[in-house]
Amino acid sequence: MNRRAVLTLASQWLVAAFLALTLAAFFFFLTAFQVSSDGTAHRILRRGVAITTDIDAIFPQVTTDLHAAAQTSDQDSVRVPNFPVPVEIPKEEAAHIEGEELRQRLLDKSADRIYDDGMSTWAQSDTASSQNIARFSTAGGLNRAFGLVTEKWNTVYLIAAALFGFLSLVLAALLCLNLKSYLRLLALGAATATAAVISLAGAVAVRFALRTAETGADPFEKDLLDLGVDTVWLFIRNYLILSLLGFAVLAVAAFFAWWDSRRAEQPAVRPIEPAA
């Protein structure tokens, strides 16, 4: 193999390696965009608010305080007292709303407020409130992670996904220009499968770490860790699908490449000329 062929082969491997990296980044940001979309993020934040506020424990007192505030308020709406996230309820409803209806309203409004304004809205309702979450703890990390599933970060993920998607297309085009026949499909399938498997391994490792951290955790931290585990599962699910897609393309390309090479090895059969 001459020097030019070696350089060509090395450049192809380098482009394929960069393609796998950009695809891994593209898969991550695309999944992050999906997780932080309005519907999915709302469910995550809603569950997070329920855990971090310990809503079931404080709910009776919140209900009593809300009804009392509605009786004395001269405003059209009443802010729910002693609740970390500012939630406004019309005065007519605030005087009698209670039970599951009030609980659902608190969680839905809180999730919407955090998604729109970020974690800066937390504890604005009561400056004296305390979440009692250690900053450098698993629970503290997960609590801060809620800020990553907001509308602002959803836009960031979309821009990053578009950027890495474009880079992946450019690298894929360069790879295809330097390869022939089914080798193009083989290279693209291999890059996709590699990126997806690497991403899958990382997501599984994070999920395993969260599961391991549950050992010995108090009920509050365990609920937060369960939420983290369920969120990571969304990444694992997408990476599994992408891995299967990459290997399927790889298998199809390998089959056709093998079939094409086998046909090329068969000697051509010359037709028998009729006797004169």
C-alpha atoms as a PDB file:
ATOM      1  CA  MET A   1       0.000   0.000   0.000  1.00  0.00           C
ATOM      2  CA  ASN A   2       1.514   3.302  -1.101  1.00  0.00           C
ATOM      3  CA  ARG A   3       1.709   6.446   0.964  1.00  0.00           C
ATOM      4  CA  ARG A   4      -1.227   8.114  -0.775  1.00  0.00           C
ATOM      5  CA  ALA A   5      -3.481   5.144  -0.078  1.00  0.00           C
ATOM      6  CA  VAL A   6      -2.442   5.160   3.586  1.00  0.00           C
ATOM      7  CA  LEU A   7      -3.228   8.871   3.902  1.00  0.00           C
ATOM      8  CA  THR A   8      -6.574   8.394   2.198  1.00  0.00           C
ATOM      9  CA  LEU A   9      -7.491   5.547   4.516  1.00  0.00           C
ATOM     10  CA  ALA A  10      -6.372   7.535   7.584  1.00  0.00           C
ATOM     11  CA  SER A  11      -8.445  10.544   6.519  1.00  0.00           C
ATOM     12  CA  GLN A  12     -11.490   8.330   6.047  1.00  0.00           C
ATOM     13  CA  TRP A  13     -11.100   6.872   9.531  1.00  0.00           C
ATOM     14  CA  LEU A  14     -10.638  10.370  10.965  1.00  0.00           C
ATOM     15  CA  VAL A  15     -13.791  11.650   9.272  1.00  0.00           C
ATOM     16  CA  ALA A  16     -15.700   8.572  10.496  1.00  0.00           C
ATOM     17  CA  ALA A  17     -14.469   9.147  14.065  1.00  0.00           C
ATOM     18  CA  PHE A  18     -15.517  12.809  14.001  1.00  0.00           C
ATOM     19  CA  LEU A  19     -18.854  11.791  12.513  1.00  0.00           C
ATOM     20  CA  ALA A  20     -19.450   9.392  15.416  1.00  0.00           C
ATOM     21  CA  LEU A  21     -18.648  12.178  17.905  1.00  0.00           C
ATOM     22  CA  THR A  22     -20.909  14.749  16.254  1.00  0.00           C
ATOM     23  CA  LEU A  23     -23.695  12.175  15.994  1.00  0.00           C
ATOM     24  CA  ALA A  24     -23.337  11.385  19.709  1.00  0.00           C
ATOM     25  CA  ALA A  25     -23.657  15.103  20.498  1.00  0.00           C
ATOM     26  CA  PHE A  26     -26.589  15.401  18.095  1.00  0.00           C
ATOM     27  CA  PHE A  27     -28.380  12.452  19.730  1.00  0.00           C
ATOM     28  CA  PHE A  28     -27.807  13.922  23.202  1.00  0.00           C
ATOM     29  CA  PHE A  29     -29.099  17.407  22.422  1.00  0.00           C
ATOM     30  CA  LEU A  30     -32.001  16.058  20.372  1.00  0.00           C
ATOM     31  CA  THR A  31     -33.091  13.873  23.292  1.00  0.00           C
ATOM     32  CA  ALA A  32     -32.530  16.737  25.743  1.00  0.00           C
ATOM     33  CA  PHE A  33     -34.763  18.893  23.526  1.00  0.00           C
ATOM     34  CA  GLN A  34     -37.423  16.196  23.629  1.00  0.00           C
ATOM     35  CA  VAL A  35     -37.171  15.792  27.417  1.00  0.00           C
ATOM     36  CA  SER A  36     -37.337  19.560  27.972  1.00  0.00           C
ATOM     37  CA  SER A  37     -40.301  20.039  25.639  1.00  0.00           C
ATOM     38  CA  ASP A  38     -43.390  21.527  27.231  1.00  0.00           C
ATOM     39  CA  GLY A  39     -45.332  18.323  27.913  1.00  0.00           C
ATOM     40  CA  THR A  40     -42.497  16.113  29.159  1.00  0.00           C
ATOM     41  CA  ALA A  41     -40.838  18.895  31.152  1.00  0.00           C
ATOM     42  CA  HIS A  42     -44.175  19.766  32.767  1.00  0.00           C
ATOM     43  CA  ARG A  43     -44.547  16.215  34.072  1.00  0.00           C
ATOM     44  CA  ILE A  44     -40.964  16.195  35.394  1.00  0.00           C
ATOM     45  CA  LEU A  45     -41.278  19.593  37.084  1.00  0.00           C
ATOM     46  CA  ARG A  46     -44.684  18.774  38.478  1.00  0.00           C
ATOM     47  CA  ARG A  47     -43.325  15.659  40.106  1.00  0.00           C
ATOM     48  CA  GLY A  48     -40.244  17.549  41.276  1.00  0.00           C
ATOM     49  CA  VAL A  49     -42.339  20.257  42.940  1.00  0.00           C
ATOM     50  CA  ALA A  50     -44.417  17.632  44.719  1.00  0.00           C
ATOM     51  CA  ILE A  51     -41.270  16.009  46.119  1.00  0.00           C
ATOM     52  CA  THR A  52     -39.246  19.081  47.057  1.00  0.00           C
ATOM     53  CA  THR A  53     -42.143  20.927  48.689  1.00  0.00           C
ATOM     54  CA  ASP A  54     -43.397  17.786  50.457  1.00  0.00           C
ATOM     55  CA  ILE A  55     -46.808  18.967  49.368  1.00  0.00           C
ATOM     56  CA  ASP A  56     -48.781  16.194  51.026  1.00  0.00           C
ATOM     57  CA  ALA A  57     -47.353  17.132  54.429  1.00  0.00           C
ATOM     58  CA  ILE A  58     -47.923  20.879  54.137  1.00  0.00           C
ATOM     59  CA  PHE A  59     -51.173  20.692  52.179  1.00  0.00           C
ATOM     60  CA  PRO A  60     -53.629  20.983  55.127  1.00  0.00           C
ATOM     61  CA  GLN A  61     -51.887  24.131  56.410  1.00  0.00           C
ATOM     62  CA  VAL A  62     -51.648  25.623  52.907  1.00  0.00           C
ATOM     63  CA  THR A  63     -55.388  25.076  52.413  1.00  0.00           C
ATOM     64  CA  THR A  64     -56.241  26.755  55.716  1.00  0.00           C
ATOM     65  CA  ASP A  65     -53.926  29.706  55.037  1.00  0.00           C
ATOM     66  CA  LEU A  66     -55.314  30.153  51.511  1.00  0.00           C
ATOM     67  CA  HIS A  67     -58.919  30.279  52.718  1.00  0.00           C
ATOM     68  CA  ALA A  68     -57.963  32.778  55.435  1.00  0.00           C
ATOM     69  CA  ALA A  69     -56.088  34.963  52.922  1.00  0.00           C
ATOM     70  CA  ALA A  70     -59.082  34.925  50.581  1.00  0.00           C
ATOM     71  CA  GLN A  71     -61.313  36.253  53.369  1.00  0.00           C
ATOM     72  CA  THR A  72     -59.072  39.248  54.065  1.00  0.00           C
ATOM     73  CA  SER A  73     -57.760  40.039  50.583  1.00  0.00           C
ATOM     74  CA  ASP A  74     -59.111  42.998  48.612  1.00  0.00           C
ATOM     75  CA  GLN A  75     -57.394  41.881  45.370  1.00  0.00           C
ATOM     76  CA  ASP A  76     -58.947  40.009  42.449  1.00  0.00           C
ATOM     77  CA  SER A  77     -56.498  37.140  42.955  1.00  0.00           C
ATOM     78  CA  VAL A  78     -54.861  35.621  46.009  1.00  0.00           C
ATOM     79  CA  ARG A  79     -51.296  34.332  46.179  1.00  0.00           C
ATOM     80  CA  VAL A  80     -51.132  30.970  47.948  1.00  0.00           C
ATOM     81  CA  PRO A  81     -49.411  31.656  51.300  1.00  0.00           C
ATOM     82  CA  ASN A  82     -46.412  29.664  52.539  1.00  0.00           C
ATOM     83  CA  PHE A  83     -45.861  27.900  49.216  1.00  0.00           C
ATOM     84  CA  PRO A  84     -42.364  28.216  47.675  1.00  0.00           C
ATOM     85  CA  VAL A  85     -43.564  28.897  44.118  1.00  0.00           C
ATOM     86  CA  PRO A  86     -45.795  31.948  43.563  1.00  0.00           C
ATOM     87  CA  VAL A  87     -49.256  30.679  42.584  1.00  0.00           C
ATOM     88  CA  GLU A  88     -52.139  33.065  42.030  1.00  0.00           C
ATOM     89  CA  ILE A  89     -55.739  31.875  42.373  1.00  0.00           C
ATOM     90  CA  PRO A  90     -58.863  34.008  41.687  1.00  0.00           C
ATOM     91  CA  LYS A  91     -60.372  35.238  44.954  1.00  0.00           C
ATOM     92  CA  GLU A  92     -63.738  33.568  44.317  1.00  0.00           C
ATOM     93  CA  GLU A  93     -62.064  30.182  43.926  1.00  0.00           C
ATOM     94  CA  ALA A  94     -59.490  30.701  46.675  1.00  0.00           C
ATOM     95  CA  ALA A  95     -62.213  30.972  49.312  1.00  0.00           C
ATOM     96  CA  HIS A  96     -63.485  27.419  48.773  1.00  0.00           C
ATOM     97  CA  ILE A  97     -61.067  25.428  46.590  1.00  0.00           C
ATOM     98  CA  GLU A  98     -59.540  22.468  48.426  1.00  0.00           C
ATOM     99  CA  GLY A  99     -58.648  18.780  48.219  1.00  0.00           C
ATOM    100  CA  GLU A 100     -57.351  17.220  45.011  1.00  0.00           C
ATOM    101  CA  GLU A 101     -58.471  20.176  42.895  1.00  0.00           C
ATOM    102  CA  LEU A 102     -56.265  22.559  44.874  1.00  0.00           C
ATOM    103  CA  ARG A 103     -53.366  20.104  44.891  1.00  0.00           C
ATOM    104  CA  GLN A 104     -53.498  19.698  41.116  1.00  0.00           C
ATOM    105  CA  ARG A 105     -53.750  23.471  40.657  1.00  0.00           C
ATOM    106  CA  LEU A 106     -50.685  24.093  42.812  1.00  0.00           C
ATOM    107  CA  LEU A 107     -48.568  21.521  40.994  1.00  0.00           C
ATOM    108  CA  ASP A 108     -49.671  22.534  37.501  1.00  0.00           C
ATOM    109  CA  LYS A 109     -49.215  26.264  38.079  1.00  0.00           C
ATOM    110  CA  SER A 110     -45.848  25.722  39.789  1.00  0.00           C
ATOM    111  CA  ALA A 111     -44.571  23.558  36.926  1.00  0.00           C
ATOM    112  CA  ASP A 112     -45.718  26.144  34.379  1.00  0.00           C
ATOM    113  CA  ARG A 113     -44.081  28.985  36.317  1.00  0.00           C
ATOM    114  CA  ILE A 114     -40.740  27.184  36.679  1.00  0.00           C
ATOM    115  CA  TYR A 115     -40.755  26.110  33.024  1.00  0.00           C
ATOM    116  CA  ASP A 116     -41.368  29.677  31.837  1.00  0.00           C
ATOM    117  CA  ASP A 117     -39.185  31.595  34.325  1.00  0.00           C
ATOM    118  CA  GLY A 118     -36.634  29.044  35.516  1.00  0.00           C
ATOM    119  CA  MET A 119     -35.603  28.098  39.038  1.00  0.00           C
ATOM    120  CA  SER A 120     -35.226  31.776  39.974  1.00  0.00           C
ATOM    121  CA  THR A 121     -38.953  31.756  40.686  1.00  0.00           C
ATOM    122  CA  TRP A 122     -38.447  29.200  43.460  1.00  0.00           C
ATOM    123  CA  ALA A 123     -39.175  30.481  46.970  1.00  0.00           C
ATOM    124  CA  GLN A 124     -40.265  33.909  45.705  1.00  0.00           C
ATOM    125  CA  SER A 125     -43.595  33.431  47.433  1.00  0.00           C
ATOM    126  CA  ASP A 126     -42.041  33.115  50.881  1.00  0.00           C
ATOM    127  CA  THR A 127     -38.532  34.447  51.431  1.00  0.00           C
ATOM    128  CA  ALA A 128     -38.417  32.723  54.811  1.00  0.00           C
ATOM    129  CA  SER A 129     -39.105  29.294  53.353  1.00  0.00           C
ATOM    130  CA  SER A 130     -36.366  26.668  53.446  1.00  0.00           C
ATOM    131  CA  GLN A 131     -35.942  23.596  51.246  1.00  0.00           C
ATOM    132  CA  ASN A 132     -33.240  22.151  53.487  1.00  0.00           C
ATOM    133  CA  ILE A 133     -31.350  20.521  50.599  1.00  0.00           C
ATOM    134  CA  ALA A 134     -27.583  20.142  50.948  1.00  0.00           C
ATOM    135  CA  ARG A 135     -25.872  21.919  48.038  1.00  0.00           C
ATOM    136  CA  PHE A 136     -23.267  19.227  47.375  1.00  0.00           C
ATOM    137  CA  SER A 137     -25.556  16.227  47.604  1.00  0.00           C
ATOM    138  CA  THR A 138     -27.288  13.992  45.089  1.00  0.00           C
ATOM    139  CA  ALA A 139     -30.628  15.523  46.008  1.00  0.00           C
ATOM    140  CA  GLY A 140     -29.183  19.018  45.636  1.00  0.00           C
ATOM    141  CA  GLY A 141     -27.791  18.156  42.223  1.00  0.00           C
ATOM    142  CA  LEU A 142     -31.102  16.769  41.034  1.00  0.00           C
ATOM    143  CA  ASN A 143     -32.930  19.777  42.429  1.00  0.00           C
ATOM    144  CA  ARG A 144     -30.660  22.115  40.432  1.00  0.00           C
ATOM    145  CA  ALA A 145     -31.137  19.861  37.414  1.00  0.00           C
ATOM    146  CA  PHE A 146     -34.797  20.930  37.306  1.00  0.00           C
ATOM    147  CA  GLY A 147     -33.517  24.194  35.887  1.00  0.00           C
ATOM    148  CA  LEU A 148     -32.234  22.305  32.830  1.00  0.00           C
ATOM    149  CA  VAL A 149     -35.750  21.326  31.718  1.00  0.00           C
ATOM    150  CA  THR A 150     -37.053  24.864  31.287  1.00  0.00           C
ATOM    151  CA  GLU A 151     -38.107  26.756  28.189  1.00  0.00           C
ATOM    152  CA  LYS A 152     -34.803  28.644  27.990  1.00  0.00           C
ATOM    153  CA  TRP A 153     -32.758  25.443  27.968  1.00  0.00           C
ATOM    154  CA  ASN A 154     -35.186  23.852  25.517  1.00  0.00           C
ATOM    155  CA  THR A 155     -34.206  26.556  23.025  1.00  0.00           C
ATOM    156  CA  VAL A 156     -30.497  26.008  23.763  1.00  0.00           C
ATOM    157  CA  TYR A 157     -30.866  22.269  23.128  1.00  0.00           C
ATOM    158  CA  LEU A 158     -32.653  22.926  19.829  1.00  0.00           C
ATOM    159  CA  ILE A 159     -29.876  25.236  18.595  1.00  0.00           C
ATOM    160  CA  ALA A 160     -27.162  22.777  19.671  1.00  0.00           C
ATOM    161  CA  ALA A 161     -29.005  19.861  18.017  1.00  0.00           C
ATOM    162  CA  ALA A 162     -29.319  21.836  14.779  1.00  0.00           C
ATOM    163  CA  LEU A 163     -25.611  22.741  14.861  1.00  0.00           C
ATOM    164  CA  PHE A 164     -24.372  19.190  15.458  1.00  0.00           C
ATOM    165  CA  GLY A 165     -26.929  17.824  13.019  1.00  0.00           C
ATOM    166  CA  PHE A 166     -25.528  20.114  10.322  1.00  0.00           C
ATOM    167  CA  LEU A 167     -21.935  19.113  11.155  1.00  0.00           C
ATOM    168  CA  SER A 168     -22.950  15.453  10.990  1.00  0.00           C
ATOM    169  CA  LEU A 169     -24.455  15.968   7.529  1.00  0.00           C
ATOM    170  CA  VAL A 170     -21.274  17.654   6.300  1.00  0.00           C
ATOM    171  CA  LEU A 171     -19.055  14.864   7.644  1.00  0.00           C
ATOM    172  CA  ALA A 172     -21.392  12.207   6.257  1.00  0.00           C
ATOM    173  CA  ALA A 173     -21.216  13.853   2.825  1.00  0.00           C
ATOM    174  CA  LEU A 174     -17.406  13.954   2.985  1.00  0.00           C
ATOM    175  CA  LEU A 175     -17.332  10.299   3.947  1.00  0.00           C
ATOM    176  CA  CYS A 176     -19.639   9.298   1.105  1.00  0.00           C
ATOM    177  CA  LEU A 177     -17.566  11.233  -1.434  1.00  0.00           C
ATOM    178  CA  ASN A 178     -14.464   9.245  -0.472  1.00  0.00           C
ATOM    179  CA  LEU A 179     -16.092   5.818  -0.471  1.00  0.00           C
ATOM    180  CA  LYS A 180     -17.685   3.674  -3.120  1.00  0.00           C
ATOM    181  CA  SER A 181     -20.721   1.471  -3.408  1.00  0.00           C
ATOM    182  CA  TYR A 182     -21.995  -0.170  -0.221  1.00  0.00           C
ATOM    183  CA  LEU A 183     -18.977   1.012   1.761  1.00  0.00           C
ATOM    184  CA  ARG A 184     -20.795   4.333   2.140  1.00  0.00           C
ATOM    185  CA  LEU A 185     -23.756   2.678   3.837  1.00  0.00           C
ATOM    186  CA  LEU A 186     -21.412   0.551   5.934  1.00  0.00           C
ATOM    187  CA  ALA A 187     -19.527   3.612   7.158  1.00  0.00           C
ATOM    188  CA  LEU A 188     -22.688   5.560   7.974  1.00  0.00           C
ATOM    189  CA  GLY A 189     -24.223   2.581   9.781  1.00  0.00           C
ATOM    190  CA  ALA A 190     -21.034   1.995  11.755  1.00  0.00           C
ATOM    191  CA  ALA A 191     -20.781   5.666  12.776  1.00  0.00           C
ATOM    192  CA  THR A 192     -24.438   5.751  13.840  1.00  0.00           C
ATOM    193  CA  ALA A 193     -24.173   2.510  15.809  1.00  0.00           C
ATOM    194  CA  THR A 194     -20.929   3.625  17.489  1.00  0.00           C
ATOM    195  CA  ALA A 195     -22.384   6.991  18.526  1.00  0.00           C
ATOM    196  CA  ALA A 196     -25.579   5.392  19.819  1.00  0.00           C
ATOM    197  CA  VAL A 197     -23.780   2.634  21.754  1.00  0.00           C
ATOM    198  CA  ILE A 198     -21.376   5.103  23.382  1.00  0.00           C
ATOM    199  CA  SER A 199     -24.312   7.332  24.341  1.00  0.00           C
ATOM    200  CA  LEU A 200     -26.256   4.339  25.613  1.00  0.00           C
ATOM    201  CA  ALA A 201     -23.327   3.211  27.760  1.00  0.00           C
ATOM    202  CA  GLY A 202     -23.061   6.693  29.285  1.00  0.00           C
ATOM    203  CA  ALA A 203     -26.779   6.887  30.051  1.00  0.00           C
ATOM    204  CA  VAL A 204     -26.785   3.405  31.594  1.00  0.00           C
ATOM    205  CA  ALA A 205     -23.794   4.380  33.755  1.00  0.00           C
ATOM    206  CA  VAL A 206     -25.628   7.477  35.021  1.00  0.00           C
ATOM    207  CA  ARG A 207     -28.753   5.449  35.744  1.00  0.00           C
ATOM    208  CA  PHE A 208     -26.675   2.850  37.591  1.00  0.00           C
ATOM    209  CA  ALA A 209     -25.010   5.600  39.648  1.00  0.00           C
ATOM    210  CA  LEU A 210     -28.405   7.016  40.630  1.00  0.00           C
ATOM    211  CA  ARG A 211     -29.680   3.561  41.555  1.00  0.00           C
ATOM    212  CA  THR A 212     -26.576   2.948  43.643  1.00  0.00           C
ATOM    213  CA  ALA A 213     -27.014   6.303  45.409  1.00  0.00           C
ATOM    214  CA  GLU A 214     -30.482   5.193  46.537  1.00  0.00           C
ATOM    215  CA  THR A 215     -28.878   2.782  48.989  1.00  0.00           C
ATOM    216  CA  GLY A 216     -29.093   4.371  52.394  1.00  0.00           C
ATOM    217  CA  ALA A 217     -30.848   7.501  51.087  1.00  0.00           C
ATOM    218  CA  ASP A 218     -33.651   9.006  53.146  1.00  0.00           C
ATOM    219  CA  PRO A 219     -37.195   8.949  51.669  1.00  0.00           C
ATOM    220  CA  PHE A 220     -36.886  12.531  50.379  1.00  0.00           C
ATOM    221  CA  GLU A 221     -33.652  11.844  48.496  1.00  0.00           C
ATOM    222  CA  LYS A 222     -34.938   8.487  47.275  1.00  0.00           C
ATOM    223  CA  ASP A 223     -37.955  10.155  45.640  1.00  0.00           C
ATOM    224  CA  LEU A 224     -35.665  12.640  43.872  1.00  0.00           C
ATOM    225  CA  LEU A 225     -33.337   9.848  42.770  1.00  0.00           C
ATOM    226  CA  ASP A 226     -36.293   7.882  41.398  1.00  0.00           C
ATOM    227  CA  LEU A 227     -37.262  10.941  39.376  1.00  0.00           C
ATOM    228  CA  GLY A 228     -33.694  11.166  38.050  1.00  0.00           C
ATOM    229  CA  VAL A 229     -33.725   7.473  37.139  1.00  0.00           C
ATOM    230  CA  ASP A 230     -37.010   7.831  35.261  1.00  0.00           C
ATOM    231  CA  THR A 231     -35.710  10.878  33.378  1.00  0.00           C
ATOM    232  CA  VAL A 232     -32.492   9.110  32.352  1.00  0.00           C
ATOM    233  CA  TRP A 233     -34.626   6.238  31.056  1.00  0.00           C
ATOM    234  CA  LEU A 234     -35.934   8.608  28.355  1.00  0.00           C
ATOM    235  CA  PHE A 235     -32.355   8.957  27.093  1.00  0.00           C
ATOM    236  CA  ILE A 236     -31.765   5.194  27.313  1.00  0.00           C
ATOM    237  CA  ARG A 237     -34.930   4.472  25.326  1.00  0.00           C
ATOM    238  CA  ASN A 238     -33.902   6.788  22.489  1.00  0.00           C
ATOM    239  CA  TYR A 239     -30.331   5.469  22.440  1.00  0.00           C
ATOM    240  CA  LEU A 240     -31.614   1.889  22.263  1.00  0.00           C
ATOM    241  CA  ILE A 241     -33.734   2.761  19.242  1.00  0.00           C
ATOM    242  CA  LEU A 242     -30.834   4.541  17.550  1.00  0.00           C
ATOM    243  CA  SER A 243     -28.480   1.630  18.301  1.00  0.00           C
ATOM    244  CA  LEU A 244     -30.882  -0.833  16.702  1.00  0.00           C
ATOM    245  CA  LEU A 245     -31.276   1.470  13.700  1.00  0.00           C
ATOM    246  CA  GLY A 246     -27.498   1.781  13.283  1.00  0.00           C
ATOM    247  CA  PHE A 247     -26.933  -1.962  13.506  1.00  0.00           C
ATOM    248  CA  ALA A 248     -29.821  -2.622  11.105  1.00  0.00           C
ATOM    249  CA  VAL A 249     -28.281  -0.312   8.493  1.00  0.00           C
ATOM    250  CA  LEU A 250     -24.898  -1.916   9.139  1.00  0.00           C
ATOM    251  CA  ALA A 251     -26.320  -5.429   8.666  1.00  0.00           C
ATOM    252  CA  VAL A 252     -28.144  -4.531   5.443  1.00  0.00           C
ATOM    253  CA  ALA A 253     -25.076  -2.813   4.004  1.00  0.00           C
ATOM    254  CA  ALA A 254     -22.827  -5.707   4.993  1.00  0.00           C
ATOM    255  CA  PHE A 255     -25.172  -8.211   3.344  1.00  0.00           C
ATOM    256  CA  PHE A 256     -25.324  -6.329   0.058  1.00  0.00           C
ATOM    257  CA  ALA A 257     -21.561  -5.740   0.075  1.00  0.00           C
ATOM    258  CA  TRP A 258     -21.002  -9.475   0.619  1.00  0.00           C
ATOM    259  CA  TRP A 259     -23.514 -10.357  -2.102  1.00  0.00           C
ATOM    260  CA  ASP A 260     -21.919  -7.918  -4.537  1.00  0.00           C
ATOM    261  CA  SER A 261     -18.412  -9.269  -3.866  1.00  0.00           C
ATOM    262  CA  ARG A 262     -19.619 -12.844  -4.271  1.00  0.00           C
ATOM    263  CA  ARG A 263     -21.153 -12.052  -7.653  1.00  0.00           C
ATOM    264  CA  ALA A 264     -17.910 -10.380  -8.701  1.00  0.00           C
ATOM    265  CA  GLU A 265     -15.946 -13.530  -7.837  1.00  0.00           C
ATOM    266  CA  GLN A 266     -18.076 -15.762 -10.043  1.00  0.00           C
ATOM    267  CA  PRO A 267     -16.534 -16.214 -13.523  1.00  0.00           C
ATOM    268  CA  ALA A 268     -18.571 -14.958 -16.391  1.00  0.00           C
ATOM    269  CA  VAL A 269     -20.174 -17.761 -18.402  1.00  0.00           C
ATOM    270  CA  ARG A 270     -19.616 -17.283 -22.096  1.00  0.00           C
ATOM    271  CA  PRO A 271     -22.530 -18.253 -24.315  1.00  0.00           C
ATOM    272  CA  ILE A 272     -22.028 -21.327 -26.481  1.00  0.00           C
ATOM    273  CA  GLU A 273     -21.828 -20.380 -30.095  1.00  0.00           C
ATOM    274  CA  PRO A 274     -23.825 -22.601 -32.463  1.00  0.00           C
ATOM    275  CA  ALA A 275     -21.863 -24.783 -34.828  1.00  0.00           C
ATOM    276  CA  ALA A 276     -21.490 -23.385 -38.311  1.00  0.00           C
END
